[in-house]
């Protein structure tokens, strides 16, 4: 969500670059879902950036670059559940001791 401006068609397809400079944003905040702020596009506009929409972040000085790979929550939870189940099965297989009582000889009295 970029204020009343919205995204242009080519921006929806190709993405946009937002520059957070000393005079371009204010009231920066975030939670577990998104980044919230106001940005100056000739006038102050509310901006909401969901984390799954962020591809890359970097600073001008080049001190760091972060590239994001996000998954839909359902897909992530499903994959996590599959990995846990797989690990559980592997651990169970490692802990199983098989005993064949058919080959056991009876003690003579």
PDB file of N, CA and C in Angstrom:
ATOM      1  N   UNK A   1       0.856  -1.177   0.000  1.00  0.00           N
ATOM      2  CA  UNK A   1       0.000   0.000   0.000  1.00  0.00           C
ATOM      3  C   UNK A   1       0.892   1.227   0.000  1.00  0.00           C
ATOM      4  N   UNK A   2       0.748   2.042  -0.997  1.00  0.00           N
ATOM      5  CA  UNK A   2       1.530   3.277  -1.078  1.00  0.00           C
ATOM      6  C   UNK A   2       0.561   4.442  -1.185  1.00  0.00           C
ATOM      7  N   UNK A   3       0.026   4.838  -0.040  1.00  0.00           N
ATOM      8  CA  UNK A   3      -0.856   6.002   0.033  1.00  0.00           C
ATOM      9  C   UNK A   3      -1.950   6.003  -1.011  1.00  0.00           C
ATOM     10  N   UNK A   4      -2.315   7.175  -1.473  1.00  0.00           N
ATOM     11  CA  UNK A   4      -3.342   7.312  -2.511  1.00  0.00           C
ATOM     12  C   UNK A   4      -2.734   7.076  -3.893  1.00  0.00           C
ATOM     13  N   UNK A   5      -1.415   7.110  -3.980  1.00  0.00           N
ATOM     14  CA  UNK A   5      -0.705   6.933  -5.245  1.00  0.00           C
ATOM     15  C   UNK A   5      -0.883   5.529  -5.791  1.00  0.00           C
ATOM     16  N   UNK A   6      -0.725   4.525  -4.924  1.00  0.00           N
ATOM     17  CA  UNK A   6      -0.801   3.138  -5.379  1.00  0.00           C
ATOM     18  C   UNK A   6       0.407   2.780  -6.229  1.00  0.00           C
ATOM     19  N   UNK A   7       0.306   1.656  -6.900  1.00  0.00           N
ATOM     20  CA  UNK A   7       1.372   1.201  -7.794  1.00  0.00           C
ATOM     21  C   UNK A   7       0.905   1.314  -9.241  1.00  0.00           C
ATOM     22  N   UNK A   8       1.796   1.748 -10.114  1.00  0.00           N
ATOM     23  CA  UNK A   8       1.500   1.769 -11.540  1.00  0.00           C
ATOM     24  C   UNK A   8       1.582   0.346 -12.071  1.00  0.00           C
ATOM     25  N   UNK A   9       0.997   0.086 -13.235  1.00  0.00           N
ATOM     26  CA  UNK A   9       0.974  -1.276 -13.779  1.00  0.00           C
ATOM     27  C   UNK A   9       2.369  -1.880 -13.904  1.00  0.00           C
ATOM     28  N   UNK A  10       3.306  -1.119 -14.466  1.00  0.00           N
ATOM     29  CA  UNK A  10       4.661  -1.674 -14.631  1.00  0.00           C
ATOM     30  C   UNK A  10       5.347  -1.878 -13.279  1.00  0.00           C
ATOM     31  N   UNK A  11       4.995  -1.086 -12.271  1.00  0.00           N
ATOM     32  CA  UNK A  11       5.564  -1.270 -10.939  1.00  0.00           C
ATOM     33  C   UNK A  11       5.040  -2.550 -10.288  1.00  0.00           C
ATOM     34  N   UNK A  12       3.790  -2.876 -10.561  1.00  0.00           N
ATOM     35  CA  UNK A  12       3.214  -4.115 -10.030  1.00  0.00           C
ATOM     36  C   UNK A  12       3.947  -5.331 -10.590  1.00  0.00           C
ATOM     37  N   UNK A  13       4.354  -5.241 -11.849  1.00  0.00           N
ATOM     38  CA  UNK A  13       5.054  -6.361 -12.491  1.00  0.00           C
ATOM     39  C   UNK A  13       6.541  -6.391 -12.147  1.00  0.00           C
ATOM     40  N   UNK A  14       7.191  -5.228 -12.203  1.00  0.00           N
ATOM     41  CA  UNK A  14       8.642  -5.155 -12.074  1.00  0.00           C
ATOM     42  C   UNK A  14       9.115  -4.816 -10.666  1.00  0.00           C
ATOM     43  N   UNK A  15       8.248  -4.261  -9.837  1.00  0.00           N
ATOM     44  CA  UNK A  15       8.627  -3.835  -8.498  1.00  0.00           C
ATOM     45  C   UNK A  15       9.085  -2.396  -8.497  1.00  0.00           C
ATOM     46  N   UNK A  16       9.370  -1.891  -7.312  1.00  0.00           N
ATOM     47  CA  UNK A  16       9.848  -0.513  -7.168  1.00  0.00           C
ATOM     48  C   UNK A  16      10.981  -0.493  -6.149  1.00  0.00           C
ATOM     49  N   UNK A  17      11.717   0.585  -6.173  1.00  0.00           N
ATOM     50  CA  UNK A  17      12.774   0.811  -5.197  1.00  0.00           C
ATOM     51  C   UNK A  17      12.341   1.999  -4.349  1.00  0.00           C
ATOM     52  N   UNK A  18      12.273   1.777  -3.042  1.00  0.00           N
ATOM     53  CA  UNK A  18      11.956   2.857  -2.118  1.00  0.00           C
ATOM     54  C   UNK A  18      13.239   3.269  -1.410  1.00  0.00           C
ATOM     55  N   UNK A  19      13.512   4.558  -1.390  1.00  0.00           N
ATOM     56  CA  UNK A  19      14.724   5.081  -0.761  1.00  0.00           C
ATOM     57  C   UNK A  19      14.327   5.745   0.551  1.00  0.00           C
ATOM     58  N   UNK A  20      14.886   5.220   1.638  1.00  0.00           N
ATOM     59  CA  UNK A  20      14.626   5.770   2.962  1.00  0.00           C
ATOM     60  C   UNK A  20      15.774   6.700   3.330  1.00  0.00           C
ATOM     61  N   UNK A  21      15.612   7.971   3.005  1.00  0.00           N
ATOM     62  CA  UNK A  21      16.621   8.976   3.326  1.00  0.00           C
ATOM     63  C   UNK A  21      16.161   9.818   4.498  1.00  0.00           C
ATOM     64  N   UNK A  22      17.000  10.762   4.925  1.00  0.00           N
ATOM     65  CA  UNK A  22      16.674  11.545   6.117  1.00  0.00           C
ATOM     66  C   UNK A  22      15.403  12.393   5.977  1.00  0.00           C
ATOM     67  N   UNK A  23      15.001  12.723   4.764  1.00  0.00           N
ATOM     68  CA  UNK A  23      13.819  13.568   4.565  1.00  0.00           C
ATOM     69  C   UNK A  23      12.709  12.858   3.791  1.00  0.00           C
ATOM     70  N   UNK A  24      12.884  11.570   3.479  1.00  0.00           N
ATOM     71  CA  UNK A  24      11.893  10.887   2.646  1.00  0.00           C
ATOM     72  C   UNK A  24      10.888  10.068   3.442  1.00  0.00           C
ATOM     73  N   UNK A  25      11.156   9.816   4.734  1.00  0.00           N
ATOM     74  CA  UNK A  25      10.210   9.031   5.529  1.00  0.00           C
ATOM     75  C   UNK A  25      10.132   9.553   6.957  1.00  0.00           C
ATOM     76  N   UNK A  26       9.068   9.149   7.627  1.00  0.00           N
ATOM     77  CA  UNK A  26       8.902   9.459   9.041  1.00  0.00           C
ATOM     78  C   UNK A  26       7.974   8.419   9.665  1.00  0.00           C
ATOM     79  N   UNK A  27       7.957   8.378  10.972  1.00  0.00           N
ATOM     80  CA  UNK A  27       7.092   7.462  11.729  1.00  0.00           C
ATOM     81  C   UNK A  27       7.284   6.003  11.314  1.00  0.00           C
ATOM     82  N   UNK A  28       8.523   5.587  11.221  1.00  0.00           N
ATOM     83  CA  UNK A  28       8.829   4.203  10.847  1.00  0.00           C
ATOM     84  C   UNK A  28       8.479   3.265  12.002  1.00  0.00           C
ATOM     85  N   UNK A  29       7.775   2.171  11.676  1.00  0.00           N
ATOM     86  CA  UNK A  29       7.380   1.179  12.671  1.00  0.00           C
ATOM     87  C   UNK A  29       7.249  -0.162  11.964  1.00  0.00           C
ATOM     88  N   UNK A  30       7.216  -1.254  12.716  1.00  0.00           N
ATOM     89  CA  UNK A  30       7.054  -2.578  12.123  1.00  0.00           C
ATOM     90  C   UNK A  30       6.447  -3.521  13.144  1.00  0.00           C
ATOM     91  N   UNK A  31       5.917  -4.616  12.635  1.00  0.00           N
ATOM     92  CA  UNK A  31       5.444  -5.700  13.488  1.00  0.00           C
ATOM     93  C   UNK A  31       5.761  -7.001  12.773  1.00  0.00           C
ATOM     94  N   UNK A  32       5.127  -8.102  13.178  1.00  0.00           N
ATOM     95  CA  UNK A  32       5.460  -9.392  12.573  1.00  0.00           C
ATOM     96  C   UNK A  32       4.958  -9.536  11.135  1.00  0.00           C
ATOM     97  N   UNK A  33       4.153  -8.583  10.660  1.00  0.00           N
ATOM     98  CA  UNK A  33       3.583  -8.686   9.318  1.00  0.00           C
ATOM     99  C   UNK A  33       4.204  -7.747   8.284  1.00  0.00           C
ATOM    100  N   UNK A  34       4.554  -6.534   8.711  1.00  0.00           N
ATOM    101  CA  UNK A  34       4.951  -5.528   7.720  1.00  0.00           C
ATOM    102  C   UNK A  34       5.738  -4.384   8.357  1.00  0.00           C
ATOM    103  N   UNK A  35       6.248  -3.528   7.473  1.00  0.00           N
ATOM    104  CA  UNK A  35       6.874  -2.267   7.853  1.00  0.00           C
ATOM    105  C   UNK A  35       5.872  -1.163   7.553  1.00  0.00           C
ATOM    106  N   UNK A  36       5.725  -0.222   8.459  1.00  0.00           N
ATOM    107  CA  UNK A  36       4.773   0.878   8.309  1.00  0.00           C
ATOM    108  C   UNK A  36       5.531   2.189   8.430  1.00  0.00           C
ATOM    109  N   UNK A  37       5.176   3.158   7.604  1.00  0.00           N
ATOM    110  CA  UNK A  37       5.774   4.486   7.717  1.00  0.00           C
ATOM    111  C   UNK A  37       4.975   5.464   6.871  1.00  0.00           C
ATOM    112  N   UNK A  38       5.427   6.688   6.873  1.00  0.00           N
ATOM    113  CA  UNK A  38       4.925   7.694   5.947  1.00  0.00           C
ATOM    114  C   UNK A  38       6.096   8.077   5.064  1.00  0.00           C
ATOM    115  N   UNK A  39       5.843   8.180   3.766  1.00  0.00           N
ATOM    116  CA  UNK A  39       6.901   8.594   2.834  1.00  0.00           C
ATOM    117  C   UNK A  39       6.445   9.822   2.067  1.00  0.00           C
ATOM    118  N   UNK A  40       7.424  10.610   1.661  1.00  0.00           N
ATOM    119  CA  UNK A  40       7.138  11.852   0.967  1.00  0.00           C
ATOM    120  C   UNK A  40       7.191  11.639  -0.545  1.00  0.00           C
ATOM    121  N   UNK A  41       6.022  11.683  -1.180  1.00  0.00           N
ATOM    122  CA  UNK A  41       5.910  11.628  -2.644  1.00  0.00           C
ATOM    123  C   UNK A  41       5.344  12.956  -3.131  1.00  0.00           C
ATOM    124  N   UNK A  42       5.962  14.052  -2.697  1.00  0.00           N
ATOM    125  CA  UNK A  42       5.416  15.379  -2.970  1.00  0.00           C
ATOM    126  C   UNK A  42       4.488  15.790  -1.839  1.00  0.00           C
ATOM    127  N   UNK A  43       3.881  14.820  -1.202  1.00  0.00           N
ATOM    128  CA  UNK A  43       3.123  15.001   0.036  1.00  0.00           C
ATOM    129  C   UNK A  43       3.289  13.716   0.846  1.00  0.00           C
ATOM    130  N   UNK A  44       3.051  13.793   2.139  1.00  0.00           N
ATOM    131  CA  UNK A  44       3.227  12.624   3.000  1.00  0.00           C
ATOM    132  C   UNK A  44       2.106  11.619   2.768  1.00  0.00           C
ATOM    133  N   UNK A  45       2.519  10.374   2.485  1.00  0.00           N
ATOM    134  CA  UNK A  45       1.571   9.287   2.208  1.00  0.00           C
ATOM    135  C   UNK A  45       1.869   8.119   3.142  1.00  0.00           C
ATOM    136  N   UNK A  46       0.843   7.410   3.589  1.00  0.00           N
ATOM    137  CA  UNK A  46       1.026   6.203   4.394  1.00  0.00           C
ATOM    138  C   UNK A  46       1.519   5.069   3.507  1.00  0.00           C
ATOM    139  N   UNK A  47       2.477   4.323   4.013  1.00  0.00           N
ATOM    140  CA  UNK A  47       3.055   3.205   3.269  1.00  0.00           C
ATOM    141  C   UNK A  47       3.056   1.974   4.166  1.00  0.00           C
ATOM    142  N   UNK A  48       2.588   0.857   3.617  1.00  0.00           N
ATOM    143  CA  UNK A  48       2.633  -0.431   4.310  1.00  0.00           C
ATOM    144  C   UNK A  48       3.370  -1.392   3.388  1.00  0.00           C
ATOM    145  N   UNK A  49       4.435  -2.007   3.898  1.00  0.00           N
ATOM    146  CA  UNK A  49       5.238  -2.921   3.093  1.00  0.00           C
ATOM    147  C   UNK A  49       5.245  -4.287   3.775  1.00  0.00           C
ATOM    148  N   UNK A  50       4.427  -5.235   3.288  1.00  0.00           N
ATOM    149  CA  UNK A  50       4.458  -6.588   3.862  1.00  0.00           C
ATOM    150  C   UNK A  50       5.825  -7.223   3.594  1.00  0.00           C
ATOM    151  N   UNK A  51       6.311  -7.992   4.556  1.00  0.00           N
ATOM    152  CA  UNK A  51       7.643  -8.588   4.421  1.00  0.00           C
ATOM    153  C   UNK A  51       7.762  -9.464   3.178  1.00  0.00           C
ATOM    154  N   UNK A  52       6.681 -10.149   2.801  1.00  0.00           N
ATOM    155  CA  UNK A  52       6.771 -11.019   1.623  1.00  0.00           C
ATOM    156  C   UNK A  52       6.935 -10.224   0.329  1.00  0.00           C
ATOM    157  N   UNK A  53       6.761  -8.900   0.399  1.00  0.00           N
ATOM    158  CA  UNK A  53       6.947  -8.046  -0.781  1.00  0.00           C
ATOM    159  C   UNK A  53       8.358  -7.465  -0.865  1.00  0.00           C
ATOM    160  N   UNK A  54       9.170  -7.687   0.156  1.00  0.00           N
ATOM    161  CA  UNK A  54      10.536  -7.156   0.153  1.00  0.00           C
ATOM    162  C   UNK A  54      11.461  -8.198  -0.457  1.00  0.00           C
ATOM    163  N   UNK A  55      12.210  -7.786  -1.454  1.00  0.00           N
ATOM    164  CA  UNK A  55      13.151  -8.692  -2.099  1.00  0.00           C
ATOM    165  C   UNK A  55      14.576  -8.453  -1.622  1.00  0.00           C
ATOM    166  N   UNK A  56      14.962  -7.193  -1.509  1.00  0.00           N
ATOM    167  CA  UNK A  56      16.344  -6.883  -1.144  1.00  0.00           C
ATOM    168  C   UNK A  56      16.382  -5.543  -0.416  1.00  0.00           C
ATOM    169  N   UNK A  57      17.278  -5.443   0.567  1.00  0.00           N
ATOM    170  CA  UNK A  57      17.520  -4.183   1.268  1.00  0.00           C
ATOM    171  C   UNK A  57      19.023  -3.930   1.265  1.00  0.00           C
ATOM    172  N   UNK A  58      19.419  -2.689   1.084  1.00  0.00           N
ATOM    173  CA  UNK A  58      20.836  -2.360   1.166  1.00  0.00           C
ATOM    174  C   UNK A  58      20.984  -0.913   1.596  1.00  0.00           C
ATOM    175  N   UNK A  59      22.147  -0.595   2.137  1.00  0.00           N
ATOM    176  CA  UNK A  59      22.401   0.796   2.512  1.00  0.00           C
ATOM    177  C   UNK A  59      23.308   1.444   1.476  1.00  0.00           C
ATOM    178  N   UNK A  60      23.238   2.746   1.399  1.00  0.00           N
ATOM    179  CA  UNK A  60      23.967   3.500   0.373  1.00  0.00           C
ATOM    180  C   UNK A  60      25.472   3.310   0.483  1.00  0.00           C
ATOM    181  N   UNK A  61      25.971   3.221   1.703  1.00  0.00           N
ATOM    182  CA  UNK A  61      27.411   3.072   1.897  1.00  0.00           C
ATOM    183  C   UNK A  61      27.887   1.665   1.532  1.00  0.00           C
ATOM    184  N   UNK A  62      26.960   0.756   1.340  1.00  0.00           N
ATOM    185  CA  UNK A  62      27.340  -0.600   0.955  1.00  0.00           C
ATOM    186  C   UNK A  62      27.822  -1.448   2.108  1.00  0.00           C
ATOM    187  N   UNK A  63      27.483  -1.042   3.321  1.00  0.00           N
ATOM    188  CA  UNK A  63      27.927  -1.798   4.483  1.00  0.00           C
ATOM    189  C   UNK A  63      27.188  -3.121   4.647  1.00  0.00           C
ATOM    190  N   UNK A  64      25.992  -3.200   4.136  1.00  0.00           N
ATOM    191  CA  UNK A  64      25.277  -4.475   4.199  1.00  0.00           C
ATOM    192  C   UNK A  64      24.255  -4.576   3.079  1.00  0.00           C
ATOM    193  N   UNK A  65      23.957  -5.803   2.728  1.00  0.00           N
ATOM    194  CA  UNK A  65      22.902  -6.119   1.773  1.00  0.00           C
ATOM    195  C   UNK A  65      22.167  -7.317   2.341  1.00  0.00           C
ATOM    196  N   UNK A  66      20.849  -7.250   2.352  1.00  0.00           N
ATOM    197  CA  UNK A  66      20.042  -8.394   2.776  1.00  0.00           C
ATOM    198  C   UNK A  66      19.140  -8.782   1.618  1.00  0.00           C
ATOM    199  N   UNK A  67      19.153 -10.027   1.266  1.00  0.00           N
ATOM    200  CA  UNK A  67      18.255 -10.522   0.226  1.00  0.00           C
ATOM    201  C   UNK A  67      17.269 -11.467   0.901  1.00  0.00           C
ATOM    202  N   UNK A  68      16.002 -11.279   0.607  1.00  0.00           N
ATOM    203  CA  UNK A  68      14.951 -12.017   1.278  1.00  0.00           C
ATOM    204  C   UNK A  68      14.401 -13.118   0.386  1.00  0.00           C
ATOM    205  N   UNK A  69      14.084 -14.215   1.022  1.00  0.00           N
ATOM    206  CA  UNK A  69      13.341 -15.280   0.375  1.00  0.00           C
ATOM    207  C   UNK A  69      12.206 -15.593   1.328  1.00  0.00           C
ATOM    208  N   UNK A  70      10.996 -15.292   0.913  1.00  0.00           N
ATOM    209  CA  UNK A  70       9.865 -15.512   1.795  1.00  0.00           C
ATOM    210  C   UNK A  70       8.959 -16.573   1.212  1.00  0.00           C
ATOM    211  N   UNK A  71       8.256 -17.238   2.096  1.00  0.00           N
ATOM    212  CA  UNK A  71       7.310 -18.267   1.687  1.00  0.00           C
ATOM    213  C   UNK A  71       5.965 -17.925   2.304  1.00  0.00           C
ATOM    214  N   UNK A  72       4.913 -18.377   1.657  1.00  0.00           N
ATOM    215  CA  UNK A  72       3.610 -18.201   2.262  1.00  0.00           C
ATOM    216  C   UNK A  72       3.574 -19.009   3.545  1.00  0.00           C
ATOM    217  N   UNK A  73       2.888 -18.496   4.536  1.00  0.00           N
ATOM    218  CA  UNK A  73       2.873 -19.124   5.848  1.00  0.00           C
ATOM    219  C   UNK A  73       2.392 -20.566   5.786  1.00  0.00           C
ATOM    220  N   UNK A  74       1.330 -20.843   5.029  1.00  0.00           N
ATOM    221  CA  UNK A  74       0.821 -22.212   4.921  1.00  0.00           C
ATOM    222  C   UNK A  74       1.870 -23.133   4.327  1.00  0.00           C
ATOM    223  N   UNK A  75       2.533 -22.669   3.282  1.00  0.00           N
ATOM    224  CA  UNK A  75       3.570 -23.461   2.624  1.00  0.00           C
ATOM    225  C   UNK A  75       4.728 -23.713   3.585  1.00  0.00           C
ATOM    226  N   UNK A  76       5.114 -22.690   4.338  1.00  0.00           N
ATOM    227  CA  UNK A  76       6.211 -22.818   5.298  1.00  0.00           C
ATOM    228  C   UNK A  76       5.843 -23.811   6.396  1.00  0.00           C
ATOM    229  N   UNK A  77       4.636 -23.674   6.939  1.00  0.00           N
ATOM    230  CA  UNK A  77       4.199 -24.574   8.007  1.00  0.00           C
ATOM    231  C   UNK A  77       4.126 -26.014   7.516  1.00  0.00           C
ATOM    232  N   UNK A  78       3.637 -26.211   6.289  1.00  0.00           N
ATOM    233  CA  UNK A  78       3.550 -27.556   5.715  1.00  0.00           C
ATOM    234  C   UNK A  78       4.949 -28.158   5.556  1.00  0.00           C
ATOM    235  N   UNK A  79       5.877 -27.375   5.023  1.00  0.00           N
ATOM    236  CA  UNK A  79       7.238 -27.851   4.822  1.00  0.00           C
ATOM    237  C   UNK A  79       7.895 -28.171   6.163  1.00  0.00           C
ATOM    238  N   UNK A  80       7.692 -27.301   7.152  1.00  0.00           N
ATOM    239  CA  UNK A  80       8.247 -27.520   8.482  1.00  0.00           C
ATOM    240  C   UNK A  80       7.679 -28.800   9.090  1.00  0.00           C
ATOM    241  N   UNK A  81       6.370 -29.008   8.958  1.00  0.00           N
ATOM    242  CA  UNK A  81       5.728 -30.205   9.487  1.00  0.00           C
ATOM    243  C   UNK A  81       6.278 -31.467   8.819  1.00  0.00           C
ATOM    244  N   UNK A  82       6.516 -31.409   7.502  1.00  0.00           N
ATOM    245  CA  UNK A  82       7.092 -32.546   6.776  1.00  0.00           C
ATOM    246  C   UNK A  82       8.503 -32.853   7.269  1.00  0.00           C
ATOM    247  N   UNK A  83       9.302 -31.815   7.496  1.00  0.00           N
ATOM    248  CA  UNK A  83      10.672 -32.015   7.988  1.00  0.00           C
ATOM    249  C   UNK A  83      10.669 -32.619   9.385  1.00  0.00           C
ATOM    250  N   UNK A  84       9.792 -32.135  10.243  1.00  0.00           N
ATOM    251  CA  UNK A  84       9.696 -32.675  11.608  1.00  0.00           C
ATOM    252  C   UNK A  84       9.276 -34.129  11.561  1.00  0.00           C
ATOM    253  N   UNK A  85       8.292 -34.432  10.726  1.00  0.00           N
ATOM    254  CA  UNK A  85       7.807 -35.806  10.587  1.00  0.00           C
ATOM    255  C   UNK A  85       8.914 -36.716  10.063  1.00  0.00           C
ATOM    256  N   UNK A  86       9.661 -36.245   9.087  1.00  0.00           N
ATOM    257  CA  UNK A  86      10.764 -37.020   8.506  1.00  0.00           C
ATOM    258  C   UNK A  86      11.833 -37.299   9.560  1.00  0.00           C
ATOM    259  N   UNK A  87      12.212 -36.255  10.319  1.00  0.00           N
ATOM    260  CA  UNK A  87      13.213 -36.431  11.379  1.00  0.00           C
ATOM    261  C   UNK A  87      12.727 -37.417  12.428  1.00  0.00           C
ATOM    262  N   UNK A  88      11.460 -37.327  12.774  1.00  0.00           N
ATOM    263  CA  UNK A  88      10.883 -38.220  13.770  1.00  0.00           C
ATOM    264  C   UNK A  88      10.972 -39.662  13.289  1.00  0.00           C
ATOM    265  N   UNK A  89      10.619 -39.894  12.039  1.00  0.00           N
ATOM    266  CA  UNK A  89      10.669 -41.243  11.471  1.00  0.00           C
ATOM    267  C   UNK A  89      12.102 -41.769  11.433  1.00  0.00           C
ATOM    268  N   UNK A  90      13.049 -40.906  11.055  1.00  0.00           N
ATOM    269  CA  UNK A  90      14.450 -41.325  11.011  1.00  0.00           C
ATOM    270  C   UNK A  90      14.951 -41.682  12.402  1.00  0.00           C
ATOM    271  N   UNK A  91      14.599 -40.873  13.386  1.00  0.00           N
ATOM    272  CA  UNK A  91      15.016 -41.159  14.760  1.00  0.00           C
ATOM    273  C   UNK A  91      14.386 -42.449  15.258  1.00  0.00           C
ATOM    274  N   UNK A  92      13.123 -42.659  14.922  1.00  0.00           N
ATOM    275  CA  UNK A  92      12.451 -43.889  15.343  1.00  0.00           C
ATOM    276  C   UNK A  92      13.129 -45.094  14.709  1.00  0.00           C
ATOM    277  N   UNK A  93      13.481 -44.977  13.446  1.00  0.00           N
ATOM    278  CA  UNK A  93      14.151 -46.077  12.756  1.00  0.00           C
ATOM    279  C   UNK A  93      15.504 -46.379  13.398  1.00  0.00           C
ATOM    280  N   UNK A  94      16.225 -45.339  13.813  1.00  0.00           N
ATOM    281  CA  UNK A  94      17.531 -45.527  14.452  1.00  0.00           C
ATOM    282  C   UNK A  94      17.409 -46.178  15.823  1.00  0.00           C
ATOM    283  N   UNK A  95      16.303 -45.956  16.498  1.00  0.00           N
ATOM    284  CA  UNK A  95      16.133 -46.447  17.859  1.00  0.00           C
ATOM    285  C   UNK A  95      15.461 -47.819  17.934  1.00  0.00           C
ATOM    286  N   UNK A  96      15.061 -48.355  16.822  1.00  0.00           N
ATOM    287  CA  UNK A  96      14.368 -49.645  16.828  1.00  0.00           C
ATOM    288  C   UNK A  96      15.385 -50.775  16.877  1.00  0.00           C
ATOM    289  N   UNK A  97      15.190 -51.680  17.816  1.00  0.00           N
ATOM    290  CA  UNK A  97      16.016 -52.880  17.912  1.00  0.00           C
ATOM    291  C   UNK A  97      15.107 -54.053  17.574  1.00  0.00           C
ATOM    292  N   UNK A  98      15.461 -54.750  16.543  1.00  0.00           N
ATOM    293  CA  UNK A  98      14.642 -55.884  16.130  1.00  0.00           C
ATOM    294  C   UNK A  98      15.188 -57.168  16.744  1.00  0.00           C
ATOM    295  N   UNK A  99      14.296 -57.940  17.311  1.00  0.00           N
ATOM    296  CA  UNK A  99      14.673 -59.212  17.907  1.00  0.00           C
ATOM    297  C   UNK A  99      13.834 -60.293  17.249  1.00  0.00           C
ATOM    298  N   UNK A 100      14.514 -61.298  16.767  1.00  0.00           N
ATOM    299  CA  UNK A 100      13.819 -62.418  16.130  1.00  0.00           C
ATOM    300  C   UNK A 100      13.767 -63.573  17.126  1.00  0.00           C
ATOM    301  N   UNK A 101      12.606 -63.746  17.760  1.00  0.00           N
ATOM    302  CA  UNK A 101      12.439 -64.789  18.770  1.00  0.00           C
ATOM    303  C   UNK A 101      12.254 -66.172  18.142  1.00  0.00           C
ATOM    304  N   UNK A 102      12.012 -66.228  16.861  1.00  0.00           N
ATOM    305  CA  UNK A 102      11.824 -67.510  16.193  1.00  0.00           C
ATOM    306  C   UNK A 102      13.106 -68.316  16.149  1.00  0.00           C
ATOM    307  N   UNK A 103      14.230 -67.667  16.114  1.00  0.00           N
ATOM    308  CA  UNK A 103      15.508 -68.364  16.019  1.00  0.00           C
ATOM    309  C   UNK A 103      16.080 -68.714  17.388  1.00  0.00           C
ATOM    310  N   UNK A 104      15.417 -68.347  18.433  1.00  0.00           N
ATOM    311  CA  UNK A 104      15.900 -68.594  19.783  1.00  0.00           C
ATOM    312  C   UNK A 104      15.785 -70.079  20.117  1.00  0.00           C
ATOM    313  N   UNK A 105      16.825 -70.593  20.651  1.00  0.00           N
ATOM    314  CA  UNK A 105      16.828 -72.019  21.017  1.00  0.00           C
ATOM    315  C   UNK A 105      16.285 -72.173  22.424  1.00  0.00           C
ATOM    316  N   UNK A 106      15.518 -73.211  22.608  1.00  0.00           N
ATOM    317  CA  UNK A 106      14.989 -73.497  23.930  1.00  0.00           C
ATOM    318  C   UNK A 106      16.082 -74.147  24.765  1.00  0.00           C
ATOM    319  N   UNK A 107      16.134 -73.771  26.017  1.00  0.00           N
ATOM    320  CA  UNK A 107      17.101 -74.366  26.934  1.00  0.00           C
ATOM    321  C   UNK A 107      16.643 -75.782  27.278  1.00  0.00           C
ATOM    322  N   UNK A 108      17.574 -76.664  27.306  1.00  0.00           N
ATOM    323  CA  UNK A 108      17.257 -78.034  27.693  1.00  0.00           C
ATOM    324  C   UNK A 108      17.276 -78.147  29.192  1.00  0.00           C
ATOM    325  N   UNK A 109      16.384 -78.923  29.772  1.00  0.00           N
ATOM    326  CA  UNK A 109      16.315 -79.107  31.224  1.00  0.00           C
ATOM    327  C   UNK A 109      17.116 -80.255  31.673  1.00  0.00           C
TER     328      UNK A 109
END
